[in-house]
All heavy atoms as atom14 arrays in JSON, in Angstrom:
{
  "sequence": "ELVAEFYNTFSNVTFLIFGPLMMFLMHAYAQKRSRYIYGVCALF",
  "atom14_mask": [
    [1, 1, 1, 1, 1, 1, 1, 1, 1, 0, 0, 0, 0, 0],
    [1, 1, 1, 1, 1, 1, 1, 1, 0, 0, 0, 0, 0, 0],
    [1, 1, 1, 1, 1, 1, 1, 0, 0, 0, 0, 0, 0, 0],
    [1, 1, 1, 1, 1, 0, 0, 0, 0, 0, 0, 0, 0, 0],
    [1, 1, 1, 1, 1, 1, 1, 1, 1, 0, 0, 0, 0, 0],
    [1, 1, 1, 1, 1, 1, 1, 1, 1, 1, 1, 0, 0, 0],
    [1, 1, 1, 1, 1, 1, 1, 1, 1, 1, 1, 1, 0, 0],
    [1, 1, 1, 1, 1, 1, 1, 1, 0, 0, 0, 0, 0, 0],
    [1, 1, 1, 1, 1, 1, 1, 0, 0, 0, 0, 0, 0, 0],
    [1, 1, 1, 1, 1, 1, 1, 1, 1, 1, 1, 0, 0, 0],
    [1, 1, 1, 1, 1, 1, 0, 0, 0, 0, 0, 0, 0, 0],
    [1, 1, 1, 1, 1, 1, 1, 1, 0, 0, 0, 0, 0, 0],
    [1, 1, 1, 1, 1, 1, 1, 0, 0, 0, 0, 0, 0, 0],
    [1, 1, 1, 1, 1, 1, 1, 0, 0, 0, 0, 0, 0, 0],
    [1, 1, 1, 1, 1, 1, 1, 1, 1, 1, 1, 0, 0, 0],
    [1, 1, 1, 1, 1, 1, 1, 1, 0, 0, 0, 0, 0, 0],
    [1, 1, 1, 1, 1, 1, 1, 1, 0, 0, 0, 0, 0, 0],
    [1, 1, 1, 1, 1, 1, 1, 1, 1, 1, 1, 0, 0, 0],
    [1, 1, 1, 1, 0, 0, 0, 0, 0, 0, 0, 0, 0, 0],
    [1, 1, 1, 1, 1, 1, 1, 0, 0, 0, 0, 0, 0, 0],
    [1, 1, 1, 1, 1, 1, 1, 1, 0, 0, 0, 0, 0, 0],
    [1, 1, 1, 1, 1, 1, 1, 1, 0, 0, 0, 0, 0, 0],
    [1, 1, 1, 1, 1, 1, 1, 1, 0, 0, 0, 0, 0, 0],
    [1, 1, 1, 1, 1, 1, 1, 1, 1, 1, 1, 0, 0, 0],
    [1, 1, 1, 1, 1, 1, 1, 1, 0, 0, 0, 0, 0, 0],
    [1, 1, 1, 1, 1, 1, 1, 1, 0, 0, 0, 0, 0, 0],
    [1, 1, 1, 1, 1, 1, 1, 1, 1, 1, 0, 0, 0, 0],
    [1, 1, 1, 1, 1, 0, 0, 0, 0, 0, 0, 0, 0, 0],
    [1, 1, 1, 1, 1, 1, 1, 1, 1, 1, 1, 1, 0, 0],
    [1, 1, 1, 1, 1, 0, 0, 0, 0, 0, 0, 0, 0, 0],
    [1, 1, 1, 1, 1, 1, 1, 1, 1, 0, 0, 0, 0, 0],
    [1, 1, 1, 1, 1, 1, 1, 1, 1, 0, 0, 0, 0, 0],
    [1, 1, 1, 1, 1, 1, 1, 1, 1, 1, 1, 0, 0, 0],
    [1, 1, 1, 1, 1, 1, 0, 0, 0, 0, 0, 0, 0, 0],
    [1, 1, 1, 1, 1, 1, 1, 1, 1, 1, 1, 0, 0, 0],
    [1, 1, 1, 1, 1, 1, 1, 1, 1, 1, 1, 1, 0, 0],
    [1, 1, 1, 1, 1, 1, 1, 1, 0, 0, 0, 0, 0, 0],
    [1, 1, 1, 1, 1, 1, 1, 1, 1, 1, 1, 1, 0, 0],
    [1, 1, 1, 1, 0, 0, 0, 0, 0, 0, 0, 0, 0, 0],
    [1, 1, 1, 1, 1, 1, 1, 0, 0, 0, 0, 0, 0, 0],
    [1, 1, 1, 1, 1, 1, 0, 0, 0, 0, 0, 0, 0, 0],
    [1, 1, 1, 1, 1, 0, 0, 0, 0, 0, 0, 0, 0, 0],
    [1, 1, 1, 1, 1, 1, 1, 1, 0, 0, 0, 0, 0, 0],
    [1, 1, 1, 1, 1, 1, 1, 1, 1, 1, 1, 0, 0, 0]
  ],
  "atom14_positions": [
    [[-31.69, -14.22, -12.89], [-32.82, -13.28, -12.85], [-32.35, -11.84, -12.71], [-33.13, -10.9, -12.91], [-33.75, -13.62, -11.68], [-34.43, -14.98, -11.82], [-35.32, -15.28, -10.64], [-35.32, -14.47, -9.67], [-36.02, -16.3, -10.68], [0.0, 0.0, 0.0], [0.0, 0.0, 0.0], [0.0, 0.0, 0.0], [0.0, 0.0, 0.0], [0.0, 0.0, 0.0]],
    [[-31.08, -11.66, -12.35], [-30.55, -10.32, -12.14], [-29.74, -9.79, -13.33], [-29.5, -8.59, -13.42], [-29.66, -10.3, -10.89], [-30.33, -10.65, -9.56], [-29.31, -10.68, -8.43], [-31.43, -9.65, -9.25], [0.0, 0.0, 0.0], [0.0, 0.0, 0.0], [0.0, 0.0, 0.0], [0.0, 0.0, 0.0], [0.0, 0.0, 0.0], [0.0, 0.0, 0.0]],
    [[-29.33, -10.69, -14.21], [-28.47, -10.31, -15.34], [-29.24, -10.54, -16.64], [-29.54, -11.68, -16.99], [-27.16, -11.11, -15.35], [-26.29, -10.7, -16.53], [-26.41, -10.9, -14.04], [0.0, 0.0, 0.0], [0.0, 0.0, 0.0], [0.0, 0.0, 0.0], [0.0, 0.0, 0.0], [0.0, 0.0, 0.0], [0.0, 0.0, 0.0], [0.0, 0.0, 0.0]],
    [[-29.52, -9.45, -17.35], [-30.31, -9.57, -18.58], [-29.54, -10.33, -19.65], [-30.03, -11.31, -20.22], [-30.69, -8.17, -19.08], [0.0, 0.0, 0.0], [0.0, 0.0, 0.0], [0.0, 0.0, 0.0], [0.0, 0.0, 0.0], [0.0, 0.0, 0.0], [0.0, 0.0, 0.0], [0.0, 0.0, 0.0], [0.0, 0.0, 0.0], [0.0, 0.0, 0.0]],
    [[-28.32, -9.86, -19.96], [-27.49, -10.51, -20.99], [-26.21, -11.0, -20.33], [-25.27, -10.24, -20.1], [-27.18, -9.52, -22.12], [-28.42, -9.05, -22.86], [-28.12, -7.98, -23.9], [-27.04, -7.36, -23.83], [-28.97, -7.77, -24.78], [0.0, 0.0, 0.0], [0.0, 0.0, 0.0], [0.0, 0.0, 0.0], [0.0, 0.0, 0.0], [0.0, 0.0, 0.0]],
    [[-26.18, -12.28, -20.03], [-25.11, -12.84, -19.21], [-23.75, -12.71, -19.88], [-22.8, -12.17, -19.29], [-25.41, -14.31, -18.92], [-24.42, -14.96, -18.01], [-24.56, -14.87, -16.63], [-23.35, -15.69, -18.51], [-23.64, -15.47, -15.78], [-22.42, -16.28, -17.68], [-22.57, -16.18, -16.31], [0.0, 0.0, 0.0], [0.0, 0.0, 0.0], [0.0, 0.0, 0.0]],
    [[-23.62, -13.2, -21.11], [-22.31, -13.19, -21.79], [-21.9, -11.77, -22.17], [-20.71, -11.42, -22.09], [-22.34, -14.1, -23.02], [-22.48, -15.56, -22.66], [-23.71, -16.22, -22.82], [-21.41, -16.28, -22.13], [-23.85, -17.55, -22.48], [-21.54, -17.62, -21.79], [-22.77, -18.24, -21.96], [-22.91, -19.57, -21.6], [0.0, 0.0, 0.0], [0.0, 0.0, 0.0]],
    [[-22.86, -10.96, -22.6], [-22.54, -9.58, -22.94], [-22.09, -8.79, -21.71], [-21.35, -7.81, -21.83], [-23.75, -8.89, -23.57], [-24.01, -9.36, -24.99], [-23.21, -10.09, -25.57], [-25.14, -8.95, -25.55], [0.0, 0.0, 0.0], [0.0, 0.0, 0.0], [0.0, 0.0, 0.0], [0.0, 0.0, 0.0], [0.0, 0.0, 0.0], [0.0, 0.0, 0.0]],
    [[-22.56, -9.2, -20.54], [-22.16, -8.52, -19.31], [-20.74, -8.9, -18.9], [-19.88, -8.03, -18.73], [-23.14, -8.87, -18.16], [-24.44, -8.39, -18.49], [-22.68, -8.22, -16.85], [0.0, 0.0, 0.0], [0.0, 0.0, 0.0], [0.0, 0.0, 0.0], [0.0, 0.0, 0.0], [0.0, 0.0, 0.0], [0.0, 0.0, 0.0], [0.0, 0.0, 0.0]],
    [[-20.48, -10.18, -18.79], [-19.22, -10.61, -18.21], [-18.06, -10.64, -19.21], [-16.9, -10.76, -18.8], [-19.39, -11.98, -17.53], [-20.24, -11.89, -16.3], [-21.56, -12.31, -16.31], [-19.73, -11.34, -15.12], [-22.35, -12.2, -15.18], [-20.52, -11.23, -13.99], [-21.83, -11.66, -14.01], [0.0, 0.0, 0.0], [0.0, 0.0, 0.0], [0.0, 0.0, 0.0]],
    [[-18.35, -10.48, -20.49], [-17.25, -10.35, -21.46], [-16.51, -9.04, -21.29], [-15.4, -8.87, -21.8], [-17.79, -10.47, -22.89], [-18.79, -9.49, -23.14], [0.0, 0.0, 0.0], [0.0, 0.0, 0.0], [0.0, 0.0, 0.0], [0.0, 0.0, 0.0], [0.0, 0.0, 0.0], [0.0, 0.0, 0.0], [0.0, 0.0, 0.0], [0.0, 0.0, 0.0]],
    [[-17.1, -8.09, -20.55], [-16.44, -6.81, -20.29], [-15.32, -6.91, -19.26], [-14.63, -5.91, -19.01], [-17.47, -5.78, -19.81], [-18.36, -5.29, -20.93], [-17.93, -4.55, -21.81], [-19.62, -5.7, -20.9], [0.0, 0.0, 0.0], [0.0, 0.0, 0.0], [0.0, 0.0, 0.0], [0.0, 0.0, 0.0], [0.0, 0.0, 0.0], [0.0, 0.0, 0.0]],
    [[-15.14, -8.07, -18.67], [-14.07, -8.22, -17.67], [-12.7, -7.95, -18.29], [-11.77, -7.54, -17.6], [-14.12, -9.62, -17.02], [-13.67, -10.7, -18.01], [-13.28, -9.66, -15.76], [0.0, 0.0, 0.0], [0.0, 0.0, 0.0], [0.0, 0.0, 0.0], [0.0, 0.0, 0.0], [0.0, 0.0, 0.0], [0.0, 0.0, 0.0], [0.0, 0.0, 0.0]],
    [[-12.58, -8.13, -19.62], [-11.29, -7.88, -20.27], [-10.89, -6.4, -20.17], [-9.7, -6.08, -20.12], [-11.34, -8.29, -21.76], [-12.5, -7.71, -22.36], [-11.44, -9.81, -21.89], [0.0, 0.0, 0.0], [0.0, 0.0, 0.0], [0.0, 0.0, 0.0], [0.0, 0.0, 0.0], [0.0, 0.0, 0.0], [0.0, 0.0, 0.0], [0.0, 0.0, 0.0]],
    [[-11.88, -5.49, -20.12], [-11.57, -4.07, -19.93], [-10.92, -3.84, -18.57], [-10.01, -3.02, -18.45], [-12.85, -3.23, -20.02], [-13.43, -3.11, -21.4], [-14.16, -4.15, -21.98], [-13.25, -1.94, -22.13], [-14.7, -4.03, -23.25], [-13.79, -1.81, -23.41], [-14.51, -2.86, -23.97], [0.0, 0.0, 0.0], [0.0, 0.0, 0.0], [0.0, 0.0, 0.0]],
    [[-11.4, -4.57, -17.58], [-10.9, -4.39, -16.22], [-9.55, -5.06, -16.02], [-8.86, -4.79, -15.04], [-11.92, -4.95, -15.22], [-13.35, -4.41, -15.37], [-14.25, -5.0, -14.3], [-13.36, -2.89, -15.31], [0.0, 0.0, 0.0], [0.0, 0.0, 0.0], [0.0, 0.0, 0.0], [0.0, 0.0, 0.0], [0.0, 0.0, 0.0], [0.0, 0.0, 0.0]],
    [[-9.17, -5.94, -16.94], [-7.85, -6.58, -16.89], [-6.83, -5.75, -17.67], [-5.75, -5.41, -17.16], [-7.91, -8.01, -17.46], [-8.8, -8.89, -16.57], [-6.51, -8.61, -17.59], [-9.07, -10.27, -17.16], [0.0, 0.0, 0.0], [0.0, 0.0, 0.0], [0.0, 0.0, 0.0], [0.0, 0.0, 0.0], [0.0, 0.0, 0.0], [0.0, 0.0, 0.0]],
    [[-7.17, -5.4, -18.91], [-6.21, -4.7, -19.77], [-5.99, -3.25, -19.35], [-4.9, -2.71, -19.56], [-6.67, -4.76, -21.23], [-6.7, -6.13, -21.81], [-7.6, -6.47, -22.81], [-5.83, -7.12, -21.37], [-7.64, -7.75, -23.35], [-5.85, -8.4, -21.9], [-6.76, -8.71, -22.89], [0.0, 0.0, 0.0], [0.0, 0.0, 0.0], [0.0, 0.0, 0.0]],
    [[-6.99, -2.62, -18.77], [-6.84, -1.22, -18.35], [-5.72, -1.03, -17.33], [-4.77, -0.27, -17.58], [0.0, 0.0, 0.0], [0.0, 0.0, 0.0], [0.0, 0.0, 0.0], [0.0, 0.0, 0.0], [0.0, 0.0, 0.0], [0.0, 0.0, 0.0], [0.0, 0.0, 0.0], [0.0, 0.0, 0.0], [0.0, 0.0, 0.0], [0.0, 0.0, 0.0]],
    [[-5.79, -1.7, -16.17], [-4.7, -1.56, -15.19], [-3.37, -2.07, -15.72], [-2.31, -1.52, -15.39], [-5.18, -2.42, -14.01], [-6.65, -2.56, -14.19], [-6.89, -2.52, -15.67], [0.0, 0.0, 0.0], [0.0, 0.0, 0.0], [0.0, 0.0, 0.0], [0.0, 0.0, 0.0], [0.0, 0.0, 0.0], [0.0, 0.0, 0.0], [0.0, 0.0, 0.0]],
    [[-3.41, -3.13, -16.54], [-2.17, -3.69, -17.07], [-1.48, -2.69, -17.99], [-0.25, -2.49, -17.89], [-2.47, -4.99, -17.82], [-1.28, -5.8, -18.33], [-0.31, -6.11, -17.19], [-1.75, -7.09, -18.99], [0.0, 0.0, 0.0], [0.0, 0.0, 0.0], [0.0, 0.0, 0.0], [0.0, 0.0, 0.0], [0.0, 0.0, 0.0], [0.0, 0.0, 0.0]],
    [[-2.23, -2.02, -18.85], [-1.63, -1.02, -19.73], [-1.15, 0.19, -18.93], [-0.14, 0.81, -19.28], [-2.62, -0.6, -20.81], [-2.87, -1.67, -21.87], [-1.35, -2.24, -22.69], [-0.85, -0.76, -23.57], [0.0, 0.0, 0.0], [0.0, 0.0, 0.0], [0.0, 0.0, 0.0], [0.0, 0.0, 0.0], [0.0, 0.0, 0.0], [0.0, 0.0, 0.0]],
    [[-1.86, 0.53, -17.87], [-1.43, 1.62, -17.01], [-0.05, 1.32, -16.42], [0.82, 2.19, -16.33], [-2.45, 1.84, -15.89], [-2.31, 3.15, -15.15], [-3.58, 3.35, -13.87], [-5.07, 3.47, -14.87], [0.0, 0.0, 0.0], [0.0, 0.0, 0.0], [0.0, 0.0, 0.0], [0.0, 0.0, 0.0], [0.0, 0.0, 0.0], [0.0, 0.0, 0.0]],
    [[0.15, 0.06, -16.03], [1.44, -0.37, -15.48], [2.52, -0.44, -16.57], [3.63, 0.08, -16.39], [1.28, -1.73, -14.82], [2.57, -2.39, -14.43], [3.3, -1.95, -13.35], [3.07, -3.46, -15.17], [4.51, -2.54, -12.99], [4.27, -4.06, -14.84], [5.0, -3.6, -13.74], [0.0, 0.0, 0.0], [0.0, 0.0, 0.0], [0.0, 0.0, 0.0]],
    [[2.18, -1.04, -17.71], [3.17, -1.23, -18.77], [3.61, 0.08, -19.4], [4.76, 0.22, -19.82], [2.61, -2.16, -19.85], [2.35, -3.62, -19.44], [1.65, -4.37, -20.56], [3.65, -4.32, -19.05], [0.0, 0.0, 0.0], [0.0, 0.0, 0.0], [0.0, 0.0, 0.0], [0.0, 0.0, 0.0], [0.0, 0.0, 0.0], [0.0, 0.0, 0.0]],
    [[2.7, 1.05, -19.47], [3.0, 2.33, -20.11], [3.47, 3.38, -19.11], [3.55, 4.57, -19.44], [1.76, 2.85, -20.84], [1.27, 1.94, -21.97], [2.35, 1.96, -23.43], [1.83, 3.5, -24.2], [0.0, 0.0, 0.0], [0.0, 0.0, 0.0], [0.0, 0.0, 0.0], [0.0, 0.0, 0.0], [0.0, 0.0, 0.0], [0.0, 0.0, 0.0]],
    [[3.82, 2.95, -17.9], [4.18, 3.89, -16.83], [5.36, 4.79, -17.23], [5.28, 6.02, -17.1], [4.52, 3.13, -15.55], [5.08, 3.99, -14.47], [4.31, 4.88, -13.75], [6.35, 4.11, -13.98], [5.08, 5.51, -12.87], [6.31, 5.06, -12.98], [0.0, 0.0, 0.0], [0.0, 0.0, 0.0], [0.0, 0.0, 0.0], [0.0, 0.0, 0.0]],
    [[6.43, 4.2, -17.73], [7.62, 4.99, -18.08], [7.3, 5.98, -19.2], [7.74, 7.14, -19.15], [8.76, 4.06, -18.5], [0.0, 0.0, 0.0], [0.0, 0.0, 0.0], [0.0, 0.0, 0.0], [0.0, 0.0, 0.0], [0.0, 0.0, 0.0], [0.0, 0.0, 0.0], [0.0, 0.0, 0.0], [0.0, 0.0, 0.0], [0.0, 0.0, 0.0]],
    [[6.52, 5.55, -20.17], [6.14, 6.43, -21.27], [5.26, 7.57, -20.76], [5.45, 8.74, -21.14], [5.4, 5.64, -22.34], [4.73, 6.48, -23.39], [5.47, 7.11, -24.39], [3.35, 6.66, -23.38], [4.86, 7.9, -25.35], [2.73, 7.44, -24.33], [3.48, 8.06, -25.31], [2.86, 8.84, -26.26], [0.0, 0.0, 0.0], [0.0, 0.0, 0.0]],
    [[4.29, 7.26, -19.9], [3.39, 8.28, -19.37], [4.15, 9.32, -18.55], [3.84, 10.51, -18.6], [2.3, 7.63, -18.51], [0.0, 0.0, 0.0], [0.0, 0.0, 0.0], [0.0, 0.0, 0.0], [0.0, 0.0, 0.0], [0.0, 0.0, 0.0], [0.0, 0.0, 0.0], [0.0, 0.0, 0.0], [0.0, 0.0, 0.0], [0.0, 0.0, 0.0]],
    [[5.15, 8.87, -17.81], [5.95, 9.81, -17.02], [6.69, 10.79, -17.92], [6.89, 11.96, -17.56], [6.96, 9.03, -16.16], [6.34, 8.22, -15.03], [5.75, 9.1, -13.94], [6.39, 10.04, -13.48], [4.54, 8.79, -13.54], [0.0, 0.0, 0.0], [0.0, 0.0, 0.0], [0.0, 0.0, 0.0], [0.0, 0.0, 0.0], [0.0, 0.0, 0.0]],
    [[7.08, 10.33, -19.09], [7.84, 11.17, -20.02], [6.93, 12.03, -20.9], [7.21, 13.2, -21.15], [8.71, 10.28, -20.91], [9.81, 11.02, -21.65], [10.95, 11.4, -20.73], [12.11, 11.99, -21.51], [13.24, 12.36, -20.64], [0.0, 0.0, 0.0], [0.0, 0.0, 0.0], [0.0, 0.0, 0.0], [0.0, 0.0, 0.0], [0.0, 0.0, 0.0]],
    [[5.83, 11.44, -21.37], [4.97, 12.14, -22.35], [3.85, 12.94, -21.66], [3.75, 14.14, -21.83], [4.35, 11.11, -23.31], [3.36, 11.7, -24.31], [4.02, 12.7, -25.22], [3.08, 13.23, -26.19], [2.32, 14.31, -26.01], [2.4, 14.99, -24.87], [1.49, 14.72, -26.95], [0.0, 0.0, 0.0], [0.0, 0.0, 0.0], [0.0, 0.0, 0.0]],
    [[2.99, 12.27, -20.91], [1.88, 12.95, -20.24], [1.23, 12.0, -19.25], [0.87, 10.87, -19.61], [0.84, 13.43, -21.25], [-0.3, 13.92, -20.59], [0.0, 0.0, 0.0], [0.0, 0.0, 0.0], [0.0, 0.0, 0.0], [0.0, 0.0, 0.0], [0.0, 0.0, 0.0], [0.0, 0.0, 0.0], [0.0, 0.0, 0.0], [0.0, 0.0, 0.0]],
    [[1.04, 12.47, -18.03], [0.38, 11.64, -17.03], [-1.12, 11.51, -17.28], [-1.79, 10.7, -16.64], [0.65, 12.21, -15.63], [2.13, 12.12, -15.25], [2.39, 12.55, -13.84], [3.82, 12.47, -13.52], [4.34, 12.77, -12.34], [3.54, 13.2, -11.36], [5.64, 12.66, -12.13], [0.0, 0.0, 0.0], [0.0, 0.0, 0.0], [0.0, 0.0, 0.0]],
    [[-1.64, 12.29, -18.21], [-3.05, 12.14, -18.59], [-3.3, 10.78, -19.23], [-4.46, 10.35, -19.36], [-3.46, 13.25, -19.54], [-3.59, 14.61, -18.88], [-2.75, 15.66, -19.24], [-4.55, 14.83, -17.89], [-2.86, 16.9, -18.63], [-4.67, 16.07, -17.29], [-3.82, 17.1, -17.65], [-3.93, 18.32, -17.04], [0.0, 0.0, 0.0], [0.0, 0.0, 0.0]],
    [[-2.23, 10.1, -19.64], [-2.38, 8.76, -20.21], [-2.95, 7.8, -19.17], [-3.7, 6.87, -19.51], [-1.02, 8.27, -20.75], [-0.65, 9.1, -21.99], [-1.04, 6.79, -21.11], [0.77, 9.0, -22.42], [0.0, 0.0, 0.0], [0.0, 0.0, 0.0], [0.0, 0.0, 0.0], [0.0, 0.0, 0.0], [0.0, 0.0, 0.0], [0.0, 0.0, 0.0]],
    [[-2.63, 8.02, -17.9], [-3.27, 7.21, -16.85], [-4.78, 7.41, -16.88], [-5.56, 6.48, -16.63], [-2.73, 7.6, -15.47], [-1.25, 7.38, -15.28], [-0.43, 8.41, -14.82], [-0.67, 6.14, -15.55], [0.94, 8.21, -14.64], [0.69, 5.94, -15.38], [1.49, 6.98, -14.92], [2.84, 6.77, -14.74], [0.0, 0.0, 0.0], [0.0, 0.0, 0.0]],
    [[-5.21, 8.64, -17.17], [-6.63, 8.93, -17.27], [-7.3, 8.19, -18.41], [-8.45, 7.75, -18.29], [0.0, 0.0, 0.0], [0.0, 0.0, 0.0], [0.0, 0.0, 0.0], [0.0, 0.0, 0.0], [0.0, 0.0, 0.0], [0.0, 0.0, 0.0], [0.0, 0.0, 0.0], [0.0, 0.0, 0.0], [0.0, 0.0, 0.0], [0.0, 0.0, 0.0]],
    [[-6.58, 8.03, -19.54], [-7.12, 7.27, -20.66], [-7.36, 5.82, -20.25], [-8.42, 5.25, -20.54], [-6.16, 7.34, -21.87], [-6.66, 6.45, -23.0], [-6.0, 8.78, -22.35], [0.0, 0.0, 0.0], [0.0, 0.0, 0.0], [0.0, 0.0, 0.0], [0.0, 0.0, 0.0], [0.0, 0.0, 0.0], [0.0, 0.0, 0.0], [0.0, 0.0, 0.0]],
    [[-6.4, 5.24, -19.55], [-6.55, 3.86, -19.09], [-7.7, 3.74, -18.08], [-8.45, 2.76, -18.08], [-5.26, 3.36, -18.46], [-3.87, 3.22, -19.62], [0.0, 0.0, 0.0], [0.0, 0.0, 0.0], [0.0, 0.0, 0.0], [0.0, 0.0, 0.0], [0.0, 0.0, 0.0], [0.0, 0.0, 0.0], [0.0, 0.0, 0.0], [0.0, 0.0, 0.0]],
    [[-7.83, 4.74, -17.21], [-8.91, 4.74, -16.22], [-10.27, 4.83, -16.93], [-11.22, 4.12, -16.56], [-8.73, 5.89, -15.24], [0.0, 0.0, 0.0], [0.0, 0.0, 0.0], [0.0, 0.0, 0.0], [0.0, 0.0, 0.0], [0.0, 0.0, 0.0], [0.0, 0.0, 0.0], [0.0, 0.0, 0.0], [0.0, 0.0, 0.0], [0.0, 0.0, 0.0]],
    [[-10.37, 5.69, -17.95], [-11.62, 5.8, -18.71], [-11.94, 4.5, -19.43], [-13.12, 4.12, -19.55], [-11.52, 6.94, -19.72], [-11.81, 8.35, -19.18], [-11.45, 9.4, -20.23], [-13.27, 8.48, -18.78], [0.0, 0.0, 0.0], [0.0, 0.0, 0.0], [0.0, 0.0, 0.0], [0.0, 0.0, 0.0], [0.0, 0.0, 0.0], [0.0, 0.0, 0.0]],
    [[-10.92, 3.8, -19.89], [-11.12, 2.5, -20.54], [-11.77, 1.52, -19.56], [-12.7, 0.79, -19.93], [-9.78, 1.97, -21.03], [-9.85, 0.64, -21.73], [-10.41, 0.53, -22.98], [-9.33, -0.49, -21.13], [-10.46, -0.69, -23.63], [-9.37, -1.71, -21.76], [-9.94, -1.82, -23.01], [0.0, 0.0, 0.0], [0.0, 0.0, 0.0], [0.0, 0.0, 0.0]]
  ]
}
């Protein structure tokens, strides 16, 4: 009764998994290129 579109809602969990994971995996690159890349992952 609280969730209008159940599958459309919880399929977004992949954003919350891949975002932090890419932030971790791209750490060395972000340190060299631009720390704003962490912001891109956060916005994701």
